[in-house]
Amino acid sequence: MSRVNKYVLDSYAILCYLEGEKGAKKVTEILKEGINDKAEIFMSVINWGEIYYIILREQGAETAEIYLKTMERYPIKIIDVDKTDTLVAAQYKAFNKISYADAFAIATTISKKAKLITGDKEFKSVESEINIIWL
């Protein structure tokens, strides 16, 4: 079996895709790779929840539910958080100007040996430590 690409999507990448913003085309390409079994795509459950609360707050419950249902159609594996990932996230949060949710995207990227897909400039502080594909 050929080696497949591994990607982690943060909330920025998914919201960019779902709202048709700059970078949505790249996220579309990655989702197609996943659909065609050429990539594994992951997202921390923390970032998944972050998408929900952002849309719930900004656009209401109906739209938030539609976004979750839309995400279920794609080959994105939602990764539960364990103690190891939580400690890695806490270490990144402690020493970088990033949100706690972003720290979980980093921890998932590390644990899955993947590339992080984002356009969130907060990740600039860790781009020498993890592989980032910028939107």
N, C-alpha and C. Protein backbone atom coordinates (compact mmCIF):
# COMPACT_ATOMS: atom_id res chain seq x y z
N MET A 1 0.85 -1.19 0.00
CA MET A 1 0.00 0.00 0.00
C MET A 1 0.88 1.24 0.00
N SER A 2 0.53 2.20 -0.81
CA SER A 2 1.31 3.43 -0.86
C SER A 2 1.05 4.25 0.40
N ARG A 3 2.00 5.04 0.74
CA ARG A 3 1.90 5.88 1.93
C ARG A 3 0.93 7.04 1.66
N VAL A 4 -0.02 7.22 2.54
CA VAL A 4 -0.99 8.30 2.37
C VAL A 4 -0.55 9.51 3.16
N ASN A 5 -1.00 10.66 2.71
CA ASN A 5 -0.75 11.90 3.45
C ASN A 5 -1.60 11.92 4.71
N LYS A 6 -1.11 12.61 5.71
CA LYS A 6 -1.86 12.78 6.96
C LYS A 6 -1.98 14.27 7.23
N TYR A 7 -3.22 14.69 7.48
CA TYR A 7 -3.49 16.10 7.72
C TYR A 7 -4.31 16.27 9.00
N VAL A 8 -4.08 17.38 9.67
CA VAL A 8 -4.94 17.80 10.77
C VAL A 8 -5.55 19.13 10.35
N LEU A 9 -6.88 19.21 10.43
CA LEU A 9 -7.58 20.46 10.14
C LEU A 9 -7.89 21.14 11.47
N ASP A 10 -7.56 22.41 11.55
CA ASP A 10 -7.99 23.17 12.73
C ASP A 10 -9.32 23.83 12.41
N SER A 11 -9.88 24.53 13.37
CA SER A 11 -11.18 25.17 13.14
C SER A 11 -11.11 26.21 12.03
N TYR A 12 -9.98 26.91 11.93
CA TYR A 12 -9.80 27.91 10.88
C TYR A 12 -10.02 27.28 9.50
N ALA A 13 -9.40 26.11 9.28
CA ALA A 13 -9.48 25.45 7.97
C ALA A 13 -10.91 25.04 7.65
N ILE A 14 -11.61 24.47 8.61
CA ILE A 14 -12.99 24.03 8.37
C ILE A 14 -13.91 25.22 8.14
N LEU A 15 -13.78 26.25 8.97
CA LEU A 15 -14.63 27.43 8.80
C LEU A 15 -14.35 28.12 7.46
N CYS A 16 -13.10 28.14 7.07
CA CYS A 16 -12.70 28.70 5.77
C CYS A 16 -13.42 27.93 4.64
N TYR A 17 -13.40 26.62 4.75
CA TYR A 17 -14.04 25.76 3.75
C TYR A 17 -15.56 25.96 3.73
N LEU A 18 -16.18 25.85 4.92
CA LEU A 18 -17.63 25.91 5.00
C LEU A 18 -18.20 27.27 4.61
N GLU A 19 -17.40 28.32 4.80
CA GLU A 19 -17.87 29.67 4.49
C GLU A 19 -17.32 30.20 3.16
N GLY A 20 -16.60 29.34 2.43
CA GLY A 20 -16.12 29.70 1.11
C GLY A 20 -15.11 30.84 1.09
N GLU A 21 -14.30 30.92 2.13
CA GLU A 21 -13.31 31.99 2.23
C GLU A 21 -12.01 31.59 1.54
N LYS A 22 -11.07 32.55 1.53
CA LYS A 22 -9.76 32.31 0.93
C LYS A 22 -9.13 31.08 1.58
N GLY A 23 -8.67 30.16 0.77
CA GLY A 23 -8.08 28.93 1.28
C GLY A 23 -9.02 27.74 1.17
N ALA A 24 -10.29 28.00 0.87
CA ALA A 24 -11.28 26.92 0.78
C ALA A 24 -10.91 25.91 -0.30
N LYS A 25 -10.29 26.38 -1.38
CA LYS A 25 -9.92 25.48 -2.48
C LYS A 25 -8.90 24.45 -2.01
N LYS A 26 -7.94 24.87 -1.21
CA LYS A 26 -6.93 23.94 -0.70
C LYS A 26 -7.57 22.91 0.23
N VAL A 27 -8.49 23.34 1.08
CA VAL A 27 -9.18 22.42 1.98
C VAL A 27 -10.00 21.43 1.14
N THR A 28 -10.63 21.90 0.08
CA THR A 28 -11.38 21.03 -0.82
C THR A 28 -10.48 19.95 -1.40
N GLU A 29 -9.28 20.33 -1.83
CA GLU A 29 -8.32 19.37 -2.39
C GLU A 29 -7.97 18.30 -1.36
N ILE A 30 -7.77 18.73 -0.12
CA ILE A 30 -7.41 17.78 0.94
C ILE A 30 -8.58 16.84 1.24
N LEU A 31 -9.78 17.39 1.30
CA LEU A 31 -10.95 16.54 1.53
C LEU A 31 -11.12 15.52 0.39
N LYS A 32 -10.86 15.93 -0.84
CA LYS A 32 -10.92 15.00 -1.97
C LYS A 32 -9.90 13.89 -1.83
N GLU A 33 -8.69 14.25 -1.35
CA GLU A 33 -7.67 13.22 -1.09
C GLU A 33 -8.21 12.19 -0.10
N GLY A 34 -8.88 12.68 0.94
CA GLY A 34 -9.45 11.78 1.94
C GLY A 34 -10.54 10.90 1.36
N ILE A 35 -11.41 11.48 0.56
CA ILE A 35 -12.49 10.73 -0.08
C ILE A 35 -11.92 9.63 -0.98
N ASN A 36 -10.81 9.94 -1.65
CA ASN A 36 -10.18 8.99 -2.57
C ASN A 36 -9.15 8.09 -1.90
N ASP A 37 -9.16 8.04 -0.57
CA ASP A 37 -8.25 7.19 0.22
C ASP A 37 -6.78 7.49 -0.04
N LYS A 38 -6.48 8.74 -0.37
CA LYS A 38 -5.10 9.15 -0.57
C LYS A 38 -4.58 9.94 0.63
N ALA A 39 -5.46 10.15 1.62
CA ALA A 39 -5.06 10.90 2.82
C ALA A 39 -5.92 10.49 4.01
N GLU A 40 -5.31 10.60 5.18
CA GLU A 40 -6.05 10.48 6.43
C GLU A 40 -6.19 11.90 6.96
N ILE A 41 -7.40 12.25 7.39
CA ILE A 41 -7.67 13.60 7.86
C ILE A 41 -8.19 13.52 9.29
N PHE A 42 -7.58 14.31 10.16
CA PHE A 42 -7.91 14.28 11.58
C PHE A 42 -8.31 15.67 12.07
N MET A 43 -9.07 15.67 13.17
CA MET A 43 -9.38 16.90 13.88
C MET A 43 -9.57 16.54 15.35
N SER A 44 -8.98 17.32 16.22
CA SER A 44 -9.19 17.14 17.65
C SER A 44 -10.64 17.43 17.98
N VAL A 45 -11.20 16.67 18.90
CA VAL A 45 -12.57 16.92 19.35
C VAL A 45 -12.69 18.32 19.95
N ILE A 46 -11.60 18.86 20.47
CA ILE A 46 -11.61 20.22 21.02
C ILE A 46 -11.85 21.24 19.89
N ASN A 47 -11.19 21.06 18.75
CA ASN A 47 -11.38 21.96 17.61
C ASN A 47 -12.75 21.77 16.99
N TRP A 48 -13.25 20.55 17.00
CA TRP A 48 -14.59 20.26 16.52
C TRP A 48 -15.60 21.03 17.35
N GLY A 49 -15.45 21.00 18.67
CA GLY A 49 -16.33 21.76 19.56
C GLY A 49 -16.18 23.25 19.38
N GLU A 50 -14.95 23.68 19.08
CA GLU A 50 -14.70 25.11 18.84
C GLU A 50 -15.51 25.60 17.64
N ILE A 51 -15.57 24.82 16.58
CA ILE A 51 -16.35 25.19 15.40
C ILE A 51 -17.81 25.35 15.79
N TYR A 52 -18.31 24.40 16.57
CA TYR A 52 -19.70 24.44 16.98
C TYR A 52 -20.01 25.70 17.78
N TYR A 53 -19.18 26.01 18.79
CA TYR A 53 -19.50 27.18 19.61
C TYR A 53 -19.37 28.48 18.83
N ILE A 54 -18.42 28.57 17.92
CA ILE A 54 -18.26 29.79 17.12
C ILE A 54 -19.51 30.02 16.27
N ILE A 55 -19.96 28.98 15.57
CA ILE A 55 -21.12 29.12 14.70
C ILE A 55 -22.40 29.31 15.52
N LEU A 56 -22.51 28.60 16.64
CA LEU A 56 -23.67 28.77 17.51
C LEU A 56 -23.79 30.22 17.98
N ARG A 57 -22.67 30.79 18.39
CA ARG A 57 -22.65 32.17 18.89
C ARG A 57 -22.92 33.18 17.77
N GLU A 58 -22.32 32.95 16.59
CA GLU A 58 -22.39 33.93 15.51
C GLU A 58 -23.61 33.79 14.61
N GLN A 59 -24.09 32.53 14.42
CA GLN A 59 -25.15 32.31 13.43
C GLN A 59 -26.34 31.52 13.95
N GLY A 60 -26.26 31.04 15.19
CA GLY A 60 -27.40 30.35 15.79
C GLY A 60 -27.33 28.84 15.72
N ALA A 61 -28.25 28.21 16.46
CA ALA A 61 -28.26 26.75 16.62
C ALA A 61 -28.52 26.01 15.31
N GLU A 62 -29.43 26.50 14.51
CA GLU A 62 -29.76 25.80 13.26
C GLU A 62 -28.54 25.70 12.34
N THR A 63 -27.84 26.80 12.16
CA THR A 63 -26.65 26.79 11.31
C THR A 63 -25.54 25.94 11.93
N ALA A 64 -25.38 26.01 13.24
CA ALA A 64 -24.36 25.21 13.92
C ALA A 64 -24.61 23.71 13.68
N GLU A 65 -25.87 23.30 13.76
CA GLU A 65 -26.21 21.90 13.52
C GLU A 65 -25.97 21.51 12.05
N ILE A 66 -26.29 22.41 11.14
CA ILE A 66 -26.03 22.15 9.72
C ILE A 66 -24.54 21.96 9.48
N TYR A 67 -23.72 22.79 10.10
CA TYR A 67 -22.26 22.67 9.94
C TYR A 67 -21.77 21.32 10.46
N LEU A 68 -22.27 20.89 11.63
CA LEU A 68 -21.86 19.58 12.16
C LEU A 68 -22.28 18.46 11.23
N LYS A 69 -23.50 18.51 10.71
CA LYS A 69 -23.98 17.48 9.78
C LYS A 69 -23.15 17.48 8.50
N THR A 70 -22.79 18.65 8.03
CA THR A 70 -21.95 18.76 6.83
C THR A 70 -20.60 18.11 7.08
N MET A 71 -20.01 18.38 8.23
CA MET A 71 -18.71 17.81 8.55
C MET A 71 -18.75 16.28 8.64
N GLU A 72 -19.88 15.74 9.10
CA GLU A 72 -20.01 14.28 9.21
C GLU A 72 -19.92 13.59 7.86
N ARG A 73 -20.22 14.29 6.79
CA ARG A 73 -20.19 13.70 5.45
C ARG A 73 -18.77 13.51 4.92
N TYR A 74 -17.81 14.16 5.56
CA TYR A 74 -16.45 14.11 5.06
C TYR A 74 -15.59 13.13 5.86
N PRO A 75 -14.50 12.66 5.24
CA PRO A 75 -13.66 11.66 5.90
C PRO A 75 -12.70 12.28 6.93
N ILE A 76 -13.29 12.94 7.91
CA ILE A 76 -12.50 13.57 8.97
C ILE A 76 -12.69 12.74 10.23
N LYS A 77 -11.58 12.22 10.75
CA LYS A 77 -11.65 11.44 11.99
C LYS A 77 -11.51 12.40 13.17
N ILE A 78 -12.57 12.45 13.98
CA ILE A 78 -12.55 13.30 15.16
C ILE A 78 -11.82 12.53 16.26
N ILE A 79 -10.73 13.12 16.75
CA ILE A 79 -9.86 12.44 17.71
C ILE A 79 -10.18 12.90 19.13
N ASP A 80 -10.54 11.92 19.96
CA ASP A 80 -10.76 12.22 21.37
C ASP A 80 -9.43 12.60 22.03
N VAL A 81 -9.53 13.36 23.08
CA VAL A 81 -8.34 13.85 23.77
C VAL A 81 -8.01 12.91 24.93
N ASP A 82 -6.74 12.55 25.04
CA ASP A 82 -6.30 11.76 26.18
C ASP A 82 -5.32 12.58 27.03
N LYS A 83 -4.83 11.99 28.08
CA LYS A 83 -3.94 12.71 28.98
C LYS A 83 -2.64 13.13 28.29
N THR A 84 -2.11 12.28 27.44
CA THR A 84 -0.86 12.60 26.75
C THR A 84 -1.03 13.84 25.87
N ASP A 85 -2.08 13.84 25.04
CA ASP A 85 -2.33 14.99 24.17
C ASP A 85 -2.62 16.25 24.99
N THR A 86 -3.32 16.08 26.10
CA THR A 86 -3.64 17.23 26.95
C THR A 86 -2.37 17.85 27.53
N LEU A 87 -1.43 17.02 27.94
CA LEU A 87 -0.16 17.55 28.47
C LEU A 87 0.64 18.24 27.38
N VAL A 88 0.67 17.66 26.19
CA VAL A 88 1.38 18.30 25.07
C VAL A 88 0.74 19.64 24.76
N ALA A 89 -0.59 19.67 24.70
CA ALA A 89 -1.31 20.93 24.44
C ALA A 89 -1.00 21.96 25.53
N ALA A 90 -0.99 21.53 26.77
CA ALA A 90 -0.72 22.44 27.89
C ALA A 90 0.69 23.02 27.80
N GLN A 91 1.65 22.20 27.39
CA GLN A 91 3.03 22.67 27.25
C GLN A 91 3.13 23.72 26.14
N TYR A 92 2.46 23.50 25.03
CA TYR A 92 2.48 24.49 23.94
C TYR A 92 1.75 25.76 24.35
N LYS A 93 0.64 25.63 25.06
CA LYS A 93 -0.10 26.80 25.51
C LYS A 93 0.72 27.62 26.50
N ALA A 94 1.46 26.95 27.35
CA ALA A 94 2.24 27.64 28.38
C ALA A 94 3.33 28.54 27.80
N PHE A 95 3.89 28.15 26.66
CA PHE A 95 5.06 28.87 26.15
C PHE A 95 4.86 29.53 24.78
N ASN A 96 3.63 29.57 24.30
CA ASN A 96 3.34 30.20 23.01
C ASN A 96 2.06 31.02 23.12
N LYS A 97 1.98 32.07 22.33
CA LYS A 97 0.77 32.90 22.32
C LYS A 97 -0.24 32.28 21.37
N ILE A 98 -0.87 31.21 21.85
CA ILE A 98 -1.89 30.50 21.08
C ILE A 98 -3.08 30.22 21.99
N SER A 99 -4.23 29.99 21.38
CA SER A 99 -5.40 29.62 22.17
C SER A 99 -5.25 28.18 22.65
N TYR A 100 -6.00 27.84 23.67
CA TYR A 100 -5.95 26.47 24.18
C TYR A 100 -6.42 25.49 23.11
N ALA A 101 -7.47 25.84 22.37
CA ALA A 101 -7.95 24.96 21.30
C ALA A 101 -6.86 24.76 20.24
N ASP A 102 -6.15 25.82 19.88
CA ASP A 102 -5.06 25.69 18.91
C ASP A 102 -3.97 24.75 19.42
N ALA A 103 -3.75 24.77 20.72
CA ALA A 103 -2.75 23.88 21.31
C ALA A 103 -3.14 22.41 21.08
N PHE A 104 -4.43 22.12 21.07
CA PHE A 104 -4.88 20.75 20.81
C PHE A 104 -4.70 20.38 19.34
N ALA A 105 -4.83 21.34 18.45
CA ALA A 105 -4.54 21.07 17.04
C ALA A 105 -3.06 20.70 16.88
N ILE A 106 -2.20 21.38 17.62
CA ILE A 106 -0.76 21.07 17.59
C ILE A 106 -0.53 19.66 18.14
N ALA A 107 -1.12 19.36 19.30
CA ALA A 107 -0.93 18.04 19.92
C ALA A 107 -1.41 16.93 18.98
N THR A 108 -2.53 17.13 18.30
CA THR A 108 -3.04 16.14 17.36
C THR A 108 -2.10 15.99 16.17
N THR A 109 -1.59 17.11 15.69
CA THR A 109 -0.63 17.08 14.57
C THR A 109 0.60 16.26 14.94
N ILE A 110 1.09 16.46 16.15
CA ILE A 110 2.28 15.73 16.61
C ILE A 110 1.96 14.24 16.78
N SER A 111 0.85 13.93 17.45
CA SER A 111 0.54 12.52 17.72
C SER A 111 0.24 11.73 16.45
N LYS A 112 -0.31 12.39 15.46
CA LYS A 112 -0.63 11.70 14.20
C LYS A 112 0.48 11.81 13.16
N LYS A 113 1.57 12.51 13.52
CA LYS A 113 2.68 12.72 12.58
C LYS A 113 2.14 13.26 11.25
N ALA A 114 1.38 14.34 11.38
CA ALA A 114 0.63 14.90 10.25
C ALA A 114 1.08 16.32 9.94
N LYS A 115 0.44 16.90 8.92
CA LYS A 115 0.63 18.30 8.55
C LYS A 115 -0.60 19.06 9.00
N LEU A 116 -0.40 20.18 9.66
CA LEU A 116 -1.51 21.01 10.12
C LEU A 116 -1.94 21.94 8.99
N ILE A 117 -3.25 21.97 8.73
CA ILE A 117 -3.81 22.84 7.72
C ILE A 117 -4.48 24.01 8.43
N THR A 118 -3.98 25.23 8.20
CA THR A 118 -4.52 26.40 8.88
C THR A 118 -4.14 27.68 8.15
N GLY A 119 -4.82 28.73 8.50
CA GLY A 119 -4.45 30.07 8.07
C GLY A 119 -4.31 30.97 9.28
N ASP A 120 -4.45 30.39 10.46
CA ASP A 120 -4.41 31.12 11.72
C ASP A 120 -2.97 31.52 12.04
N LYS A 121 -2.73 32.82 12.07
CA LYS A 121 -1.37 33.34 12.27
C LYS A 121 -0.81 33.02 13.66
N GLU A 122 -1.66 32.62 14.61
CA GLU A 122 -1.15 32.23 15.93
C GLU A 122 -0.15 31.08 15.83
N PHE A 123 -0.26 30.28 14.79
CA PHE A 123 0.62 29.13 14.63
C PHE A 123 2.02 29.50 14.13
N LYS A 124 2.23 30.77 13.76
CA LYS A 124 3.56 31.21 13.29
C LYS A 124 4.64 30.88 14.33
N SER A 125 4.28 30.97 15.61
CA SER A 125 5.27 30.75 16.67
C SER A 125 5.75 29.31 16.76
N VAL A 126 5.04 28.38 16.13
CA VAL A 126 5.44 26.97 16.21
C VAL A 126 5.75 26.36 14.85
N GLU A 127 5.83 27.19 13.82
CA GLU A 127 6.02 26.62 12.48
C GLU A 127 7.37 25.95 12.29
N SER A 128 8.33 26.22 13.16
CA SER A 128 9.62 25.51 13.08
C SER A 128 9.55 24.15 13.78
N GLU A 129 8.46 23.90 14.52
CA GLU A 129 8.34 22.65 15.28
C GLU A 129 7.37 21.64 14.67
N ILE A 130 6.42 22.12 13.89
CA ILE A 130 5.46 21.22 13.24
C ILE A 130 5.35 21.61 11.78
N ASN A 131 4.88 20.66 10.98
CA ASN A 131 4.71 20.90 9.54
C ASN A 131 3.35 21.57 9.32
N ILE A 132 3.37 22.76 8.75
CA ILE A 132 2.13 23.53 8.53
C ILE A 132 1.96 23.80 7.03
N ILE A 133 0.76 23.55 6.56
CA ILE A 133 0.38 23.98 5.21
C ILE A 133 -0.53 25.18 5.42
N TRP A 134 -0.06 26.33 4.95
CA TRP A 134 -0.79 27.58 5.17
C TRP A 134 -1.85 27.81 4.12
N LEU A 135 -3.01 28.26 4.59
CA LEU A 135 -4.10 28.62 3.68
C LEU A 135 -3.99 30.09 3.34
